[in-house]
Amino acid sequence: MRSVSALAVGTLLVGSVAADNQIPGVVQWQIEKRQQPVSQLRKRATTYEEVITNERLRGGYFATCAIGTPYQNLTLQLDTGSSDIWVPDVTAEACEVSRTNPDGCTFGTFDPANSTTFKDGGKGTFDISYVDGSHSKGDYFEDLFQIGGAVVNVTMGLGIDTDIAYGLVGVGYALNEAIVAGSQSASSSYPNLPVTMQSEGLISTIAYSLWLNDLGASFSPPLPPTCS
């Protein structure tokens, strides 16, 4: 899956350094085993499920989504390493079929002129680059977005200048959005898909789960990812 950037920070608190009876050259830790109380099970909140397919030649997992009114169907790459939804514009050069590009954007494009619920995002230029050197640049917009039966009005990017022939559904932290990196300000972040689903009461927490089958496994209907 694509990733804008990667940052991992881990902290493990195991105890305090013993002050007495120190052995030269050795740090001693006071470690205690504590039994955590078992919490009572709670009824699971509403769950939305979407089957994702492994597109090996495109290097990722893809989900069927719909945008606008009436819906325009697109197949988008699900990306845990980025945080923006963006779709290729119908006029994007990467989607023009030619001798050197016979496929174009076979996973679909978005035409703002054909959506009655399309609104300008009012956030300036959408500009995102990935670690493999690919990019997408255009405008921010707002429109209806449907995935797994859930429908939300969410901010997205419109890829007008892009060398990627399909869009992405970024489900990372809102602070990893492209607009935050561009402005160097956390205050410029907007409610992305997981945050919007939670704020509109569709899911109880900003969380999701994924089940990915082994690459060598024979085909069988996969368990869908869920948001709850």
Protein backbone atom coordinates (compact mmCIF):
# COMPACT_ATOMS: atom_id res chain seq x y z
CA MET A 1 0.00 0.00 0.00
CA ARG A 2 1.12 3.53 -0.67
CA SER A 3 2.49 5.68 2.11
CA VAL A 4 3.10 9.41 2.33
CA SER A 5 5.47 9.05 5.26
CA ALA A 6 6.19 6.68 8.09
CA LEU A 7 6.88 7.57 11.72
CA ALA A 8 6.87 5.04 14.54
CA VAL A 9 7.33 5.96 18.19
CA GLY A 10 7.13 3.32 20.92
CA THR A 11 7.38 3.57 24.69
CA LEU A 12 7.62 0.65 27.12
CA LEU A 13 7.32 1.38 30.83
CA VAL A 14 8.53 -1.61 32.83
CA GLY A 15 9.39 -0.17 36.23
CA SER A 16 11.93 1.98 37.99
CA VAL A 17 15.69 1.60 38.43
CA ALA A 18 16.58 0.08 41.77
CA ALA A 19 18.42 2.63 43.90
CA ASP A 20 19.96 0.23 46.40
CA ASN A 21 22.37 -2.71 46.04
CA GLN A 22 23.40 -1.73 42.53
CA ILE A 23 25.79 -4.10 40.79
CA PRO A 24 28.51 -2.14 38.91
CA GLY A 25 27.74 -1.99 35.18
CA VAL A 26 24.25 -3.50 35.60
CA VAL A 27 20.92 -1.71 35.59
CA GLN A 28 18.29 -3.46 37.65
CA TRP A 29 14.57 -3.03 36.97
CA GLN A 30 11.79 -3.52 39.43
CA ILE A 31 9.16 -5.44 37.45
CA GLU A 32 5.77 -6.31 38.88
CA LYS A 33 3.16 -8.61 37.43
CA ARG A 34 -0.34 -7.23 37.80
CA GLN A 35 -3.59 -8.94 36.91
CA GLN A 36 -5.84 -6.67 34.84
CA PRO A 37 -9.56 -6.92 35.64
CA VAL A 38 -11.62 -8.43 32.85
CA SER A 39 -14.12 -5.89 31.55
CA GLN A 40 -17.66 -6.93 30.75
CA LEU A 41 -18.46 -7.58 27.12
CA ARG A 42 -20.48 -4.88 25.43
CA LYS A 43 -22.82 -5.10 22.50
CA ARG A 44 -21.03 -4.38 19.25
CA ALA A 45 -21.87 -1.08 17.58
CA THR A 46 -23.06 -0.68 14.01
CA THR A 47 -20.60 -2.20 11.55
CA TYR A 48 -20.08 -1.41 7.87
CA GLU A 49 -18.41 -4.01 5.72
CA GLU A 50 -16.77 -3.80 2.29
CA VAL A 51 -15.04 -6.61 0.39
CA ILE A 52 -11.60 -5.61 -0.88
CA THR A 53 -9.81 -7.39 -3.71
CA ASN A 54 -6.09 -7.95 -4.09
CA GLU A 55 -4.93 -6.46 -7.38
CA ARG A 56 -1.41 -7.90 -7.55
CA LEU A 57 -0.40 -6.11 -10.75
CA ARG A 58 -1.39 -2.77 -9.21
CA GLY A 59 0.25 -3.54 -5.90
CA GLY A 60 -2.62 -3.13 -3.46
CA TYR A 61 -6.11 -3.86 -2.23
CA PHE A 62 -9.07 -2.16 -3.87
CA ALA A 63 -12.65 -1.41 -2.84
CA THR A 64 -15.74 -0.52 -4.87
CA CYS A 65 -16.99 2.97 -3.99
CA ALA A 66 -19.43 5.52 -5.37
CA ILE A 67 -19.28 9.33 -5.44
CA GLY A 68 -21.72 12.12 -6.24
CA THR A 69 -25.39 12.39 -7.23
CA PRO A 70 -26.23 10.33 -9.14
CA TYR A 71 -23.52 7.92 -8.04
CA GLN A 72 -20.43 7.51 -10.17
CA ASN A 73 -18.84 4.13 -9.46
CA LEU A 74 -15.08 3.91 -8.96
CA THR A 75 -12.72 1.22 -7.71
CA LEU A 76 -10.23 2.85 -5.33
CA GLN A 77 -7.12 1.57 -3.60
CA LEU A 78 -7.53 1.27 0.17
CA ASP A 79 -4.49 2.87 1.78
CA THR A 80 -3.67 2.77 5.50
CA GLY A 81 -0.50 4.82 4.95
CA SER A 82 -2.23 8.02 3.80
CA SER A 83 -5.27 9.95 4.96
CA ASP A 84 -6.99 11.53 1.96
CA ILE A 85 -9.62 10.25 -0.45
CA TRP A 86 -8.80 11.37 -3.97
CA VAL A 87 -10.15 10.40 -7.37
CA PRO A 88 -8.85 10.92 -10.92
CA ASP A 89 -10.64 13.65 -12.80
CA VAL A 90 -12.28 12.64 -16.07
CA THR A 91 -9.90 15.03 -17.90
CA ALA A 92 -6.68 13.70 -16.28
CA GLU A 93 -3.96 12.92 -18.80
CA ALA A 94 -3.27 9.59 -17.09
CA CYS A 95 -6.81 8.53 -18.04
CA GLU A 96 -6.55 9.36 -21.74
CA VAL A 97 -6.43 6.19 -23.82
CA SER A 98 -3.57 6.21 -26.32
CA ARG A 99 -1.08 3.89 -27.97
CA THR A 100 1.30 4.29 -25.03
CA ASN A 101 -1.53 4.15 -22.50
CA PRO A 102 -4.06 1.64 -23.89
CA ASP A 103 -5.86 1.08 -20.58
CA GLY A 104 -6.43 4.61 -19.32
CA CYS A 105 -8.26 4.70 -15.99
CA THR A 106 -10.09 1.39 -16.17
CA PHE A 107 -11.07 1.65 -12.50
CA GLY A 108 -13.11 4.76 -13.15
CA THR A 109 -12.93 8.54 -13.13
CA PHE A 110 -15.02 11.30 -11.58
CA ASP A 111 -16.79 14.03 -13.55
CA PRO A 112 -17.79 16.94 -11.26
CA ALA A 113 -20.15 18.34 -13.91
CA ASN A 114 -22.33 15.23 -13.61
CA SER A 115 -22.86 15.48 -9.84
CA THR A 116 -25.57 17.77 -8.46
CA THR A 117 -24.10 17.54 -4.94
CA PHE A 118 -20.55 18.56 -5.93
CA LYS A 119 -19.16 21.54 -4.00
CA ASP A 120 -15.81 23.30 -4.10
CA GLY A 121 -13.77 22.29 -1.06
CA GLY A 122 -12.53 25.82 -0.40
CA LYS A 123 -9.14 24.57 0.76
CA GLY A 124 -6.89 25.59 -2.11
CA THR A 125 -4.79 23.12 -4.07
CA PHE A 126 -4.81 19.39 -3.40
CA ASP A 127 -1.25 18.09 -3.78
CA ILE A 128 -0.01 14.69 -2.63
CA SER A 129 3.14 12.68 -3.39
CA TYR A 130 3.97 9.12 -2.45
CA VAL A 131 7.22 7.39 -1.54
CA ASP A 132 7.43 5.71 -4.97
CA GLY A 133 7.54 9.12 -6.67
CA SER A 134 3.95 9.09 -7.98
CA HIS A 135 1.71 12.10 -7.40
CA SER A 136 -1.73 13.63 -7.73
CA LYS A 137 -2.55 17.33 -7.86
CA GLY A 138 -5.77 19.27 -8.34
CA ASP A 139 -8.55 20.72 -6.19
CA TYR A 140 -10.36 19.88 -2.96
CA PHE A 141 -14.07 19.23 -3.23
CA GLU A 142 -16.97 17.97 -1.13
CA ASP A 143 -19.50 15.39 -2.23
CA LEU A 144 -21.34 12.26 -1.17
CA PHE A 145 -19.11 9.22 -0.75
CA GLN A 146 -20.43 5.68 -0.42
CA ILE A 147 -18.49 2.63 0.79
CA GLY A 148 -19.80 -0.56 2.34
CA GLY A 149 -23.34 0.80 2.56
CA ALA A 150 -22.28 3.90 4.51
CA VAL A 151 -22.89 7.28 2.89
CA VAL A 152 -21.16 10.45 4.09
CA ASN A 153 -20.49 13.94 2.80
CA VAL A 154 -16.72 14.23 2.93
CA THR A 155 -13.81 16.32 1.65
CA MET A 156 -11.84 14.70 -1.19
CA GLY A 157 -9.13 15.55 -3.67
CA LEU A 158 -9.72 15.75 -7.41
CA GLY A 159 -6.67 14.48 -9.29
CA ILE A 160 -6.44 16.68 -12.39
CA ASP A 161 -2.66 16.34 -12.81
CA THR A 162 -1.74 12.78 -11.83
CA ASP A 163 0.40 9.92 -13.07
CA ILE A 164 -1.69 7.34 -11.18
CA ALA A 165 -4.49 5.68 -13.12
CA TYR A 166 -6.75 5.11 -10.10
CA GLY A 167 -7.80 6.91 -6.95
CA LEU A 168 -7.17 6.11 -3.31
CA VAL A 169 -9.12 5.89 -0.07
CA GLY A 170 -6.70 6.97 2.64
CA VAL A 171 -7.86 5.89 6.10
CA GLY A 172 -4.90 7.07 8.19
CA TYR A 173 -4.84 9.75 10.88
CA ALA A 174 -6.24 13.14 9.89
CA LEU A 175 -2.94 14.76 10.91
CA ASN A 176 -1.28 12.87 8.04
CA GLU A 177 -3.43 14.58 5.42
CA ALA A 178 -1.63 16.20 2.50
CA ILE A 179 -2.97 19.63 3.43
CA VAL A 180 -1.31 19.42 6.86
CA ALA A 181 2.06 18.58 5.33
CA GLY A 182 1.68 21.41 2.81
CA SER A 183 0.69 24.06 5.33
CA GLN A 184 2.87 22.75 8.18
CA SER A 185 -0.11 23.39 10.45
CA ALA A 186 -2.25 20.83 12.26
CA SER A 187 -5.13 23.31 12.31
CA SER A 188 -5.59 22.90 8.55
CA SER A 189 -6.68 19.27 8.87
CA TYR A 190 -10.25 18.33 7.97
CA PRO A 191 -12.48 15.41 9.04
CA ASN A 192 -11.43 12.54 6.76
CA LEU A 193 -13.44 9.36 6.18
CA PRO A 194 -13.02 7.56 9.56
CA VAL A 195 -13.46 10.81 11.51
CA THR A 196 -16.55 11.79 9.51
CA MET A 197 -18.16 8.37 9.97
CA GLN A 198 -17.68 8.63 13.72
CA SER A 199 -18.85 12.24 14.00
CA GLU A 200 -22.03 11.45 12.06
CA GLY A 201 -22.82 8.53 14.37
CA LEU A 202 -22.30 5.80 11.78
CA ILE A 203 -19.61 4.16 13.91
CA SER A 204 -18.91 4.53 17.62
CA THR A 205 -15.13 4.85 17.45
CA ILE A 206 -12.59 5.99 14.86
CA ALA A 207 -11.40 2.47 14.11
CA TYR A 208 -11.41 -0.18 11.41
CA SER A 209 -10.13 -3.71 10.90
CA LEU A 210 -8.75 -5.52 7.84
CA TRP A 211 -8.53 -9.18 6.94
CA LEU A 212 -6.04 -9.94 4.16
CA ASN A 213 -5.73 -13.46 2.79
CA ASP A 214 -2.36 -15.04 1.94
CA LEU A 215 -1.11 -14.25 -1.59
CA GLY A 216 -0.70 -17.96 -2.31
CA ALA A 217 -4.13 -18.98 -1.05
CA SER A 218 -6.75 -20.28 -3.46
CA PHE A 219 -9.52 -17.82 -4.14
CA SER A 220 -12.40 -17.75 -1.72
CA PRO A 221 -14.73 -14.89 -0.76
CA PRO A 222 -12.65 -12.84 1.74
CA LEU A 223 -13.89 -11.49 4.99
CA PRO A 224 -14.60 -7.78 4.56
CA PRO A 225 -12.89 -4.92 6.40
CA THR A 226 -15.09 -3.32 9.00
CA CYS A 227 -15.55 0.04 10.68
CA SER A 228 -17.20 0.05 14.07
